[in-house]
Amino acid sequence: EPAPELSVILPAFNERANIPMMVERLSRALDGIDWEVIVVDDNSP
């Protein structure tokens, strides 16, 4: 499979409560676009 058209980078630290909602919001906003999300986490406790 080819790479997606868009990678969305989410730098994160202690964002556990927000990640599921962000994935859901991106799914709605990017309907029709081949995308992925890369969460870059600084070893959040």
ModelCIF file with pLDDT and N, C-alpha, C, O atoms, coordinates in Angstrom:
data_MODEL
#
_entry.id   MODEL 
#
_entity.id                         1 
_entity.type                       polymer 
_entity.pdbx_number_of_molecules   1 
#
_entity_poly.entity_id                      1 
_entity_poly.type                           'polypeptide(L)' 
_entity_poly.nstd_linkage                   no 
_entity_poly.nstd_monomer                   no 
_entity_poly.pdbx_seq_one_letter_code       EPAPELSVILPAFNERANIPMMVERLSRALDGIDWEVIVVDDNSP 
_entity_poly.pdbx_seq_one_letter_code_can   EPAPELSVILPAFNERANIPMMVERLSRALDGIDWEVIVVDDNSP 
_entity_poly.pdbx_strand_id                 A 
#
loop_
_entity_poly_seq.entity_id 
_entity_poly_seq.num 
_entity_poly_seq.mon_id 
_entity_poly_seq.hetero 
1 1  GLU n 
1 2  PRO n 
1 3  ALA n 
1 4  PRO n 
1 5  GLU n 
1 6  LEU n 
1 7  SER n 
1 8  VAL n 
1 9  ILE n 
1 10 LEU n 
1 11 PRO n 
1 12 ALA n 
1 13 PHE n 
1 14 ASN n 
1 15 GLU n 
1 16 ARG n 
1 17 ALA n 
1 18 ASN n 
1 19 ILE n 
1 20 PRO n 
1 21 MET n 
1 22 MET n 
1 23 VAL n 
1 24 GLU n 
1 25 ARG n 
1 26 LEU n 
1 27 SER n 
1 28 ARG n 
1 29 ALA n 
1 30 LEU n 
1 31 ASP n 
1 32 GLY n 
1 33 ILE n 
1 34 ASP n 
1 35 TRP n 
1 36 GLU n 
1 37 VAL n 
1 38 ILE n 
1 39 VAL n 
1 40 VAL n 
1 41 ASP n 
1 42 ASP n 
1 43 ASN n 
1 44 SER n 
1 45 PRO n 
#
_struct_asym.id          A 
_struct_asym.entity_id   1 
#
loop_
_ma_qa_metric.id 
_ma_qa_metric.mode 
_ma_qa_metric.name 
_ma_qa_metric.software_group_id 
_ma_qa_metric.type 
1 global pLDDT . pLDDT 
2 local  pLDDT . pLDDT 
#
_ma_qa_metric_global.metric_id      1 
_ma_qa_metric_global.metric_value   93.73 
_ma_qa_metric_global.model_id       1 
_ma_qa_metric_global.ordinal_id     1 
#
loop_
_ma_qa_metric_local.label_asym_id 
_ma_qa_metric_local.label_comp_id 
_ma_qa_metric_local.label_seq_id 
_ma_qa_metric_local.metric_id 
_ma_qa_metric_local.metric_value 
_ma_qa_metric_local.model_id 
_ma_qa_metric_local.ordinal_id 
A GLU 1  2 82.00 1 1  
A PRO 2  2 88.00 1 2  
A ALA 3  2 92.00 1 3  
A PRO 4  2 95.00 1 4  
A GLU 5  2 97.00 1 5  
A LEU 6  2 97.00 1 6  
A SER 7  2 97.00 1 7  
A VAL 8  2 97.00 1 8  
A ILE 9  2 97.00 1 9  
A LEU 10 2 96.00 1 10 
A PRO 11 2 93.00 1 11 
A ALA 12 2 92.00 1 12 
A PHE 13 2 88.00 1 13 
A ASN 14 2 88.00 1 14 
A GLU 15 2 91.00 1 15 
A ARG 16 2 92.00 1 16 
A ALA 17 2 91.00 1 17 
A ASN 18 2 92.00 1 18 
A ILE 19 2 94.00 1 19 
A PRO 20 2 95.00 1 20 
A MET 21 2 94.00 1 21 
A MET 22 2 94.00 1 22 
A VAL 23 2 96.00 1 23 
A GLU 24 2 95.00 1 24 
A ARG 25 2 95.00 1 25 
A LEU 26 2 96.00 1 26 
A SER 27 2 96.00 1 27 
A ARG 28 2 95.00 1 28 
A ALA 29 2 95.00 1 29 
A LEU 30 2 96.00 1 30 
A ASP 31 2 93.00 1 31 
A GLY 32 2 93.00 1 32 
A ILE 33 2 96.00 1 33 
A ASP 34 2 96.00 1 34 
A TRP 35 2 97.00 1 35 
A GLU 36 2 97.00 1 36 
A VAL 37 2 97.00 1 37 
A ILE 38 2 97.00 1 38 
A VAL 39 2 97.00 1 39 
A VAL 40 2 96.00 1 40 
A ASP 41 2 94.00 1 41 
A ASP 42 2 90.00 1 42 
A ASN 43 2 89.00 1 43 
A SER 44 2 90.00 1 44 
A PRO 45 2 90.00 1 45 
#
loop_
_atom_site.group_PDB 
_atom_site.id 
_atom_site.type_symbol 
_atom_site.label_atom_id 
_atom_site.label_alt_id 
_atom_site.label_comp_id 
_atom_site.label_asym_id 
_atom_site.label_entity_id 
_atom_site.label_seq_id 
_atom_site.pdbx_PDB_ins_code 
_atom_site.Cartn_x 
_atom_site.Cartn_y 
_atom_site.Cartn_z 
_atom_site.occupancy 
_atom_site.B_iso_or_equiv 
_atom_site.pdbx_formal_charge 
_atom_site.auth_seq_id 
_atom_site.auth_comp_id 
_atom_site.auth_asym_id 
_atom_site.auth_atom_id 
_atom_site.pdbx_PDB_model_num 
ATOM 1   N N  . GLU A 1 1  ? 0.855   -1.177 0.000  1.00 82.00 ? 1  GLU A N  1 
ATOM 2   C CA . GLU A 1 1  ? 0.000   0.000  0.000  1.00 82.00 ? 1  GLU A CA 1 
ATOM 3   C C  . GLU A 1 1  ? 0.892   1.228  0.000  1.00 82.00 ? 1  GLU A C  1 
ATOM 4   O O  . GLU A 1 1  ? 1.891   1.273  0.718  1.00 82.00 ? 1  GLU A O  1 
ATOM 5   N N  . PRO A 1 2  ? 0.542   2.211  -0.791 1.00 88.00 ? 2  PRO A N  1 
ATOM 6   C CA . PRO A 1 2  ? 1.341   3.446  -0.784 1.00 88.00 ? 2  PRO A CA 1 
ATOM 7   C C  . PRO A 1 2  ? 1.160   4.187  0.529  1.00 88.00 ? 2  PRO A C  1 
ATOM 8   O O  . PRO A 1 2  ? 0.219   3.933  1.282  1.00 88.00 ? 2  PRO A O  1 
ATOM 9   N N  . ALA A 1 3  ? 2.070   5.100  0.787  1.00 92.00 ? 3  ALA A N  1 
ATOM 10  C CA . ALA A 1 3  ? 1.959   5.935  1.983  1.00 92.00 ? 3  ALA A CA 1 
ATOM 11  C C  . ALA A 1 3  ? 0.707   6.801  1.887  1.00 92.00 ? 3  ALA A C  1 
ATOM 12  O O  . ALA A 1 3  ? 0.254   7.111  0.786  1.00 92.00 ? 3  ALA A O  1 
ATOM 13  N N  . PRO A 1 4  ? 0.149   7.189  3.018  1.00 95.00 ? 4  PRO A N  1 
ATOM 14  C CA . PRO A 1 4  ? -1.011  8.094  2.978  1.00 95.00 ? 4  PRO A CA 1 
ATOM 15  C C  . PRO A 1 4  ? -0.624  9.443  2.392  1.00 95.00 ? 4  PRO A C  1 
ATOM 16  O O  . PRO A 1 4  ? 0.558   9.774  2.301  1.00 95.00 ? 4  PRO A O  1 
ATOM 17  N N  . GLU A 1 5  ? -1.614  10.208 2.000  1.00 97.00 ? 5  GLU A N  1 
ATOM 18  C CA . GLU A 1 5  ? -1.348  11.525 1.434  1.00 97.00 ? 5  GLU A CA 1 
ATOM 19  C C  . GLU A 1 5  ? -0.912  12.513 2.504  1.00 97.00 ? 5  GLU A C  1 
ATOM 20  O O  . GLU A 1 5  ? -0.121  13.417 2.236  1.00 97.00 ? 5  GLU A O  1 
ATOM 21  N N  . LEU A 1 6  ? -1.429  12.341 3.717  1.00 97.00 ? 6  LEU A N  1 
ATOM 22  C CA . LEU A 1 6  ? -1.195  13.307 4.789  1.00 97.00 ? 6  LEU A CA 1 
ATOM 23  C C  . LEU A 1 6  ? -0.829  12.605 6.094  1.00 97.00 ? 6  LEU A C  1 
ATOM 24  O O  . LEU A 1 6  ? -1.479  11.642 6.501  1.00 97.00 ? 6  LEU A O  1 
ATOM 25  N N  . SER A 1 7  ? 0.225   13.107 6.740  1.00 97.00 ? 7  SER A N  1 
ATOM 26  C CA . SER A 1 7  ? 0.559   12.702 8.110  1.00 97.00 ? 7  SER A CA 1 
ATOM 27  C C  . SER A 1 7  ? 0.313   13.885 9.036  1.00 97.00 ? 7  SER A C  1 
ATOM 28  O O  . SER A 1 7  ? 0.843   14.973 8.811  1.00 97.00 ? 7  SER A O  1 
ATOM 29  N N  . VAL A 1 8  ? -0.483  13.677 10.073 1.00 97.00 ? 8  VAL A N  1 
ATOM 30  C CA . VAL A 1 8  ? -0.748  14.714 11.065 1.00 97.00 ? 8  VAL A CA 1 
ATOM 31  C C  . VAL A 1 8  ? 0.106   14.409 12.296 1.00 97.00 ? 8  VAL A C  1 
ATOM 32  O O  . VAL A 1 8  ? -0.036  13.354 12.916 1.00 97.00 ? 8  VAL A O  1 
ATOM 33  N N  . ILE A 1 9  ? 0.986   15.333 12.640 1.00 97.00 ? 9  ILE A N  1 
ATOM 34  C CA . ILE A 1 9  ? 1.903   15.142 13.764 1.00 97.00 ? 9  ILE A CA 1 
ATOM 35  C C  . ILE A 1 9  ? 1.306   15.787 15.010 1.00 97.00 ? 9  ILE A C  1 
ATOM 36  O O  . ILE A 1 9  ? 0.999   16.979 15.018 1.00 97.00 ? 9  ILE A O  1 
ATOM 37  N N  . LEU A 1 10 ? 1.144   14.991 16.059 1.00 96.00 ? 10 LEU A N  1 
ATOM 38  C CA . LEU A 1 10 ? 0.642   15.496 17.336 1.00 96.00 ? 10 LEU A CA 1 
ATOM 39  C C  . LEU A 1 10 ? 1.722   15.341 18.401 1.00 96.00 ? 10 LEU A C  1 
ATOM 40  O O  . LEU A 1 10 ? 1.842   14.261 18.981 1.00 96.00 ? 10 LEU A O  1 
ATOM 41  N N  . PRO A 1 11 ? 2.509   16.373 18.680 1.00 93.00 ? 11 PRO A N  1 
ATOM 42  C CA . PRO A 1 11 ? 3.457   16.295 19.802 1.00 93.00 ? 11 PRO A CA 1 
ATOM 43  C C  . PRO A 1 11 ? 2.657   16.239 21.100 1.00 93.00 ? 11 PRO A C  1 
ATOM 44  O O  . PRO A 1 11 ? 1.691   16.983 21.272 1.00 93.00 ? 11 PRO A O  1 
ATOM 45  N N  . ALA A 1 12 ? 3.062   15.352 22.014 1.00 92.00 ? 12 ALA A N  1 
ATOM 46  C CA . ALA A 1 12 ? 2.227   15.134 23.204 1.00 92.00 ? 12 ALA A CA 1 
ATOM 47  C C  . ALA A 1 12 ? 3.060   14.941 24.461 1.00 92.00 ? 12 ALA A C  1 
ATOM 48  O O  . ALA A 1 12 ? 4.155   14.378 24.430 1.00 92.00 ? 12 ALA A O  1 
ATOM 49  N N  . PHE A 1 13 ? 2.514   15.420 25.557 1.00 88.00 ? 13 PHE A N  1 
ATOM 50  C CA . PHE A 1 13 ? 3.028   15.115 26.897 1.00 88.00 ? 13 PHE A CA 1 
ATOM 51  C C  . PHE A 1 13 ? 1.842   15.169 27.857 1.00 88.00 ? 13 PHE A C  1 
ATOM 52  O O  . PHE A 1 13 ? 1.231   16.220 28.050 1.00 88.00 ? 13 PHE A O  1 
ATOM 53  N N  . ASN A 1 14 ? 1.530   14.032 28.448 1.00 88.00 ? 14 ASN A N  1 
ATOM 54  C CA . ASN A 1 14 ? 0.360   13.902 29.332 1.00 88.00 ? 14 ASN A CA 1 
ATOM 55  C C  . ASN A 1 14 ? -0.928  14.309 28.624 1.00 88.00 ? 14 ASN A C  1 
ATOM 56  O O  . ASN A 1 14 ? -1.691  15.137 29.121 1.00 88.00 ? 14 ASN A O  1 
ATOM 57  N N  . GLU A 1 15 ? -1.156  13.713 27.456 1.00 91.00 ? 15 GLU A N  1 
ATOM 58  C CA . GLU A 1 15 ? -2.361  14.001 26.677 1.00 91.00 ? 15 GLU A CA 1 
ATOM 59  C C  . GLU A 1 15 ? -3.236  12.761 26.526 1.00 91.00 ? 15 GLU A C  1 
ATOM 60  O O  . GLU A 1 15 ? -3.993  12.662 25.560 1.00 91.00 ? 15 GLU A O  1 
ATOM 61  N N  . ARG A 1 16 ? -3.151  11.825 27.450 1.00 92.00 ? 16 ARG A N  1 
ATOM 62  C CA . ARG A 1 16 ? -3.914  10.569 27.359 1.00 92.00 ? 16 ARG A CA 1 
ATOM 63  C C  . ARG A 1 16 ? -5.409  10.820 27.162 1.00 92.00 ? 16 ARG A C  1 
ATOM 64  O O  . ARG A 1 16 ? -6.050  10.145 26.356 1.00 92.00 ? 16 ARG A O  1 
ATOM 65  N N  . ALA A 1 17 ? -5.962  11.780 27.889 1.00 91.00 ? 17 ALA A N  1 
ATOM 66  C CA . ALA A 1 17 ? -7.403  12.027 27.819 1.00 91.00 ? 17 ALA A CA 1 
ATOM 67  C C  . ALA A 1 17 ? -7.818  12.629 26.477 1.00 91.00 ? 17 ALA A C  1 
ATOM 68  O O  . ALA A 1 17 ? -8.981  12.528 26.089 1.00 91.00 ? 17 ALA A O  1 
ATOM 69  N N  . ASN A 1 18 ? -6.878  13.255 25.767 1.00 92.00 ? 18 ASN A N  1 
ATOM 70  C CA . ASN A 1 18 ? -7.223  13.950 24.530 1.00 92.00 ? 18 ASN A CA 1 
ATOM 71  C C  . ASN A 1 18 ? -7.043  13.107 23.272 1.00 92.00 ? 18 ASN A C  1 
ATOM 72  O O  . ASN A 1 18 ? -7.713  13.355 22.270 1.00 92.00 ? 18 ASN A O  1 
ATOM 73  N N  . ILE A 1 19 ? -6.157  12.119 23.304 1.00 94.00 ? 19 ILE A N  1 
ATOM 74  C CA . ILE A 1 19 ? -5.816  11.377 22.087 1.00 94.00 ? 19 ILE A CA 1 
ATOM 75  C C  . ILE A 1 19 ? -7.023  10.697 21.450 1.00 94.00 ? 19 ILE A C  1 
ATOM 76  O O  . ILE A 1 19 ? -7.209  10.848 20.242 1.00 94.00 ? 19 ILE A O  1 
ATOM 77  N N  . PRO A 1 20 ? -7.862  9.951  22.190 1.00 95.00 ? 20 PRO A N  1 
ATOM 78  C CA . PRO A 1 20 ? -9.007  9.301  21.532 1.00 95.00 ? 20 PRO A CA 1 
ATOM 79  C C  . PRO A 1 20 ? -9.934  10.293 20.834 1.00 95.00 ? 20 PRO A C  1 
ATOM 80  O O  . PRO A 1 20 ? -10.411 10.030 19.730 1.00 95.00 ? 20 PRO A O  1 
ATOM 81  N N  . MET A 1 21 ? -10.187 11.433 21.477 1.00 94.00 ? 21 MET A N  1 
ATOM 82  C CA . MET A 1 21 ? -11.064 12.435 20.869 1.00 94.00 ? 21 MET A CA 1 
ATOM 83  C C  . MET A 1 21 ? -10.418 13.072 19.652 1.00 94.00 ? 21 MET A C  1 
ATOM 84  O O  . MET A 1 21 ? -11.104 13.389 18.681 1.00 94.00 ? 21 MET A O  1 
ATOM 85  N N  . MET A 1 22 ? -9.084  13.267 19.693 1.00 94.00 ? 22 MET A N  1 
ATOM 86  C CA . MET A 1 22 ? -8.406  13.837 18.536 1.00 94.00 ? 22 MET A CA 1 
ATOM 87  C C  . MET A 1 22 ? -8.479  12.884 17.345 1.00 94.00 ? 22 MET A C  1 
ATOM 88  O O  . MET A 1 22 ? -8.687  13.334 16.218 1.00 94.00 ? 22 MET A O  1 
ATOM 89  N N  . VAL A 1 23 ? -8.315  11.584 17.567 1.00 96.00 ? 23 VAL A N  1 
ATOM 90  C CA . VAL A 1 23 ? -8.420  10.609 16.475 1.00 96.00 ? 23 VAL A CA 1 
ATOM 91  C C  . VAL A 1 23 ? -9.816  10.635 15.880 1.00 96.00 ? 23 VAL A C  1 
ATOM 92  O O  . VAL A 1 23 ? -9.978  10.586 14.660 1.00 96.00 ? 23 VAL A O  1 
ATOM 93  N N  . GLU A 1 24 ? -10.821 10.712 16.735 1.00 95.00 ? 24 GLU A N  1 
ATOM 94  C CA . GLU A 1 24 ? -12.205 10.769 16.257 1.00 95.00 ? 24 GLU A CA 1 
ATOM 95  C C  . GLU A 1 24 ? -12.458 12.043 15.454 1.00 95.00 ? 24 GLU A C  1 
ATOM 96  O O  . GLU A 1 24 ? -13.098 11.998 14.403 1.00 95.00 ? 24 GLU A O  1 
ATOM 97  N N  . ARG A 1 25 ? -11.966 13.164 15.939 1.00 95.00 ? 25 ARG A N  1 
ATOM 98  C CA . ARG A 1 25 ? -12.166 14.435 15.237 1.00 95.00 ? 25 ARG A CA 1 
ATOM 99  C C  . ARG A 1 25 ? -11.441 14.452 13.891 1.00 95.00 ? 25 ARG A C  1 
ATOM 100 O O  . ARG A 1 25 ? -11.966 14.976 12.909 1.00 95.00 ? 25 ARG A O  1 
ATOM 101 N N  . LEU A 1 26 ? -10.241 13.882 13.845 1.00 96.00 ? 26 LEU A N  1 
ATOM 102 C CA . LEU A 1 26 ? -9.509  13.806 12.579 1.00 96.00 ? 26 LEU A CA 1 
ATOM 103 C C  . LEU A 1 26 ? -10.242 12.909 11.585 1.00 96.00 ? 26 LEU A C  1 
ATOM 104 O O  . LEU A 1 26 ? -10.273 13.201 10.389 1.00 96.00 ? 26 LEU A O  1 
ATOM 105 N N  . SER A 1 27 ? -10.827 11.825 12.072 1.00 96.00 ? 27 SER A N  1 
ATOM 106 C CA . SER A 1 27 ? -11.570 10.917 11.194 1.00 96.00 ? 27 SER A CA 1 
ATOM 107 C C  . SER A 1 27 ? -12.718 11.641 10.513 1.00 96.00 ? 27 SER A C  1 
ATOM 108 O O  . SER A 1 27 ? -12.966 11.430 9.325  1.00 96.00 ? 27 SER A O  1 
ATOM 109 N N  . ARG A 1 28 ? -13.417 12.485 11.243 1.00 95.00 ? 28 ARG A N  1 
ATOM 110 C CA . ARG A 1 28 ? -14.531 13.229 10.659 1.00 95.00 ? 28 ARG A CA 1 
ATOM 111 C C  . ARG A 1 28 ? -14.033 14.320 9.710  1.00 95.00 ? 28 ARG A C  1 
ATOM 112 O O  . ARG A 1 28 ? -14.587 14.512 8.627  1.00 95.00 ? 28 ARG A O  1 
ATOM 113 N N  . ALA A 1 29 ? -12.980 15.033 10.129 1.00 95.00 ? 29 ALA A N  1 
ATOM 114 C CA . ALA A 1 29 ? -12.508 16.182 9.349  1.00 95.00 ? 29 ALA A CA 1 
ATOM 115 C C  . ALA A 1 29 ? -11.823 15.772 8.055  1.00 95.00 ? 29 ALA A C  1 
ATOM 116 O O  . ALA A 1 29 ? -11.840 16.529 7.084  1.00 95.00 ? 29 ALA A O  1 
ATOM 117 N N  . LEU A 1 30 ? -11.215 14.580 8.023  1.00 96.00 ? 30 LEU A N  1 
ATOM 118 C CA . LEU A 1 30 ? -10.412 14.164 6.870  1.00 96.00 ? 30 LEU A CA 1 
ATOM 119 C C  . LEU A 1 30 ? -11.082 13.080 6.048  1.00 96.00 ? 30 LEU A C  1 
ATOM 120 O O  . LEU A 1 30 ? -10.410 12.312 5.361  1.00 96.00 ? 30 LEU A O  1 
ATOM 121 N N  . ASP A 1 31 ? -12.393 13.015 6.115  1.00 93.00 ? 31 ASP A N  1 
ATOM 122 C CA . ASP A 1 31 ? -13.143 12.064 5.306  1.00 93.00 ? 31 ASP A CA 1 
ATOM 123 C C  . ASP A 1 31 ? -12.862 12.327 3.824  1.00 93.00 ? 31 ASP A C  1 
ATOM 124 O O  . ASP A 1 31 ? -13.025 13.447 3.341  1.00 93.00 ? 31 ASP A O  1 
ATOM 125 N N  . GLY A 1 32 ? -12.442 11.285 3.116  1.00 93.00 ? 32 GLY A N  1 
ATOM 126 C CA . GLY A 1 32 ? -12.107 11.429 1.706  1.00 93.00 ? 32 GLY A CA 1 
ATOM 127 C C  . GLY A 1 32 ? -10.639 11.679 1.444  1.00 93.00 ? 32 GLY A C  1 
ATOM 128 O O  . GLY A 1 32 ? -10.217 11.700 0.288  1.00 93.00 ? 32 GLY A O  1 
ATOM 129 N N  . ILE A 1 33 ? -9.837  11.873 2.501  1.00 96.00 ? 33 ILE A N  1 
ATOM 130 C CA . ILE A 1 33 ? -8.388  12.066 2.383  1.00 96.00 ? 33 ILE A CA 1 
ATOM 131 C C  . ILE A 1 33 ? -7.684  10.881 3.028  1.00 96.00 ? 33 ILE A C  1 
ATOM 132 O O  . ILE A 1 33 ? -8.046  10.474 4.131  1.00 96.00 ? 33 ILE A O  1 
ATOM 133 N N  . ASP A 1 34 ? -6.684  10.326 2.357  1.00 96.00 ? 34 ASP A N  1 
ATOM 134 C CA . ASP A 1 34 ? -5.896  9.225  2.922  1.00 96.00 ? 34 ASP A CA 1 
ATOM 135 C C  . ASP A 1 34 ? -4.907  9.822  3.922  1.00 96.00 ? 34 ASP A C  1 
ATOM 136 O O  . ASP A 1 34 ? -4.008  10.567 3.532  1.00 96.00 ? 34 ASP A O  1 
ATOM 137 N N  . TRP A 1 35 ? -5.065  9.503  5.197  1.00 97.00 ? 35 TRP A N  1 
ATOM 138 C CA . TRP A 1 35 ? -4.296  10.179 6.246  1.00 97.00 ? 35 TRP A CA 1 
ATOM 139 C C  . TRP A 1 35 ? -3.825  9.195  7.312  1.00 97.00 ? 35 TRP A C  1 
ATOM 140 O O  . TRP A 1 35 ? -4.278  8.053  7.385  1.00 97.00 ? 35 TRP A O  1 
ATOM 141 N N  . GLU A 1 36 ? -2.907  9.677  8.126  1.00 97.00 ? 36 GLU A N  1 
ATOM 142 C CA . GLU A 1 36 ? -2.474  8.983  9.335  1.00 97.00 ? 36 GLU A CA 1 
ATOM 143 C C  . GLU A 1 36 ? -2.155  10.033 10.383 1.00 97.00 ? 36 GLU A C  1 
ATOM 144 O O  . GLU A 1 36 ? -1.931  11.198 10.054 1.00 97.00 ? 36 GLU A O  1 
ATOM 145 N N  . VAL A 1 37 ? -2.134  9.626  11.642 1.00 97.00 ? 37 VAL A N  1 
ATOM 146 C CA . VAL A 1 37 ? -1.729  10.525 12.715 1.00 97.00 ? 37 VAL A CA 1 
ATOM 147 C C  . VAL A 1 37 ? -0.543  9.888  13.437 1.00 97.00 ? 37 VAL A C  1 
ATOM 148 O O  . VAL A 1 37 ? -0.568  8.705  13.775 1.00 97.00 ? 37 VAL A O  1 
ATOM 149 N N  . ILE A 1 38 ? 0.493   10.692 13.667 1.00 97.00 ? 38 ILE A N  1 
ATOM 150 C CA . ILE A 1 38 ? 1.683   10.230 14.384 1.00 97.00 ? 38 ILE A CA 1 
ATOM 151 C C  . ILE A 1 38 ? 1.758   11.005 15.694 1.00 97.00 ? 38 ILE A C  1 
ATOM 152 O O  . ILE A 1 38 ? 2.034   12.205 15.698 1.00 97.00 ? 38 ILE A O  1 
ATOM 153 N N  . VAL A 1 39 ? 1.513   10.317 16.797 1.00 97.00 ? 39 VAL A N  1 
ATOM 154 C CA . VAL A 1 39 ? 1.607   10.933 18.118 1.00 97.00 ? 39 VAL A CA 1 
ATOM 155 C C  . VAL A 1 39 ? 3.045   10.787 18.601 1.00 97.00 ? 39 VAL A C  1 
ATOM 156 O O  . VAL A 1 39 ? 3.538   9.671  18.762 1.00 97.00 ? 39 VAL A O  1 
ATOM 157 N N  . VAL A 1 40 ? 3.710   11.898 18.830 1.00 96.00 ? 40 VAL A N  1 
ATOM 158 C CA . VAL A 1 40 ? 5.093   11.880 19.307 1.00 96.00 ? 40 VAL A CA 1 
ATOM 159 C C  . VAL A 1 40 ? 5.061   12.216 20.795 1.00 96.00 ? 40 VAL A C  1 
ATOM 160 O O  . VAL A 1 40 ? 4.898   13.374 21.180 1.00 96.00 ? 40 VAL A O  1 
ATOM 161 N N  . ASP A 1 41 ? 5.218   11.198 21.614 1.00 94.00 ? 41 ASP A N  1 
ATOM 162 C CA . ASP A 1 41 ? 5.032   11.345 23.067 1.00 94.00 ? 41 ASP A CA 1 
ATOM 163 C C  . ASP A 1 41 ? 6.375   11.388 23.783 1.00 94.00 ? 41 ASP A C  1 
ATOM 164 O O  . ASP A 1 41 ? 7.222   10.517 23.587 1.00 94.00 ? 41 ASP A O  1 
ATOM 165 N N  . ASP A 1 42 ? 6.563   12.407 24.612 1.00 90.00 ? 42 ASP A N  1 
ATOM 166 C CA . ASP A 1 42 ? 7.810   12.553 25.374 1.00 90.00 ? 42 ASP A CA 1 
ATOM 167 C C  . ASP A 1 42 ? 7.756   11.761 26.673 1.00 90.00 ? 42 ASP A C  1 
ATOM 168 O O  . ASP A 1 42 ? 7.932   12.302 27.765 1.00 90.00 ? 42 ASP A O  1 
ATOM 169 N N  . ASN A 1 43 ? 7.503   10.448 26.520 1.00 89.00 ? 43 ASN A N  1 
ATOM 170 C CA . ASN A 1 43 ? 7.529   9.511  27.655 1.00 89.00 ? 43 ASN A CA 1 
ATOM 171 C C  . ASN A 1 43 ? 6.601   9.983  28.787 1.00 89.00 ? 43 ASN A C  1 
ATOM 172 O O  . ASN A 1 43 ? 7.010   10.042 29.947 1.00 89.00 ? 43 ASN A O  1 
ATOM 173 N N  . SER A 1 44 ? 5.372   10.310 28.446 1.00 90.00 ? 44 SER A N  1 
ATOM 174 C CA . SER A 1 44 ? 4.417   10.828 29.427 1.00 90.00 ? 44 SER A CA 1 
ATOM 175 C C  . SER A 1 44 ? 4.147   9.811  30.541 1.00 90.00 ? 44 SER A C  1 
ATOM 176 O O  . SER A 1 44 ? 3.936   8.629  30.268 1.00 90.00 ? 44 SER A O  1 
ATOM 177 N N  . PRO A 1 45 ? 4.153   10.271 31.788 1.00 90.00 ? 45 PRO A N  1 
ATOM 178 C CA . PRO A 1 45 ? 3.844   9.358  32.900 1.00 90.00 ? 45 PRO A CA 1 
ATOM 179 C C  . PRO A 1 45 ? 2.380   8.942  32.959 1.00 90.00 ? 45 PRO A C  1 
ATOM 180 O O  . PRO A 1 45 ? 1.990   8.179  33.843 1.00 90.00 ? 45 PRO A O  1 
#
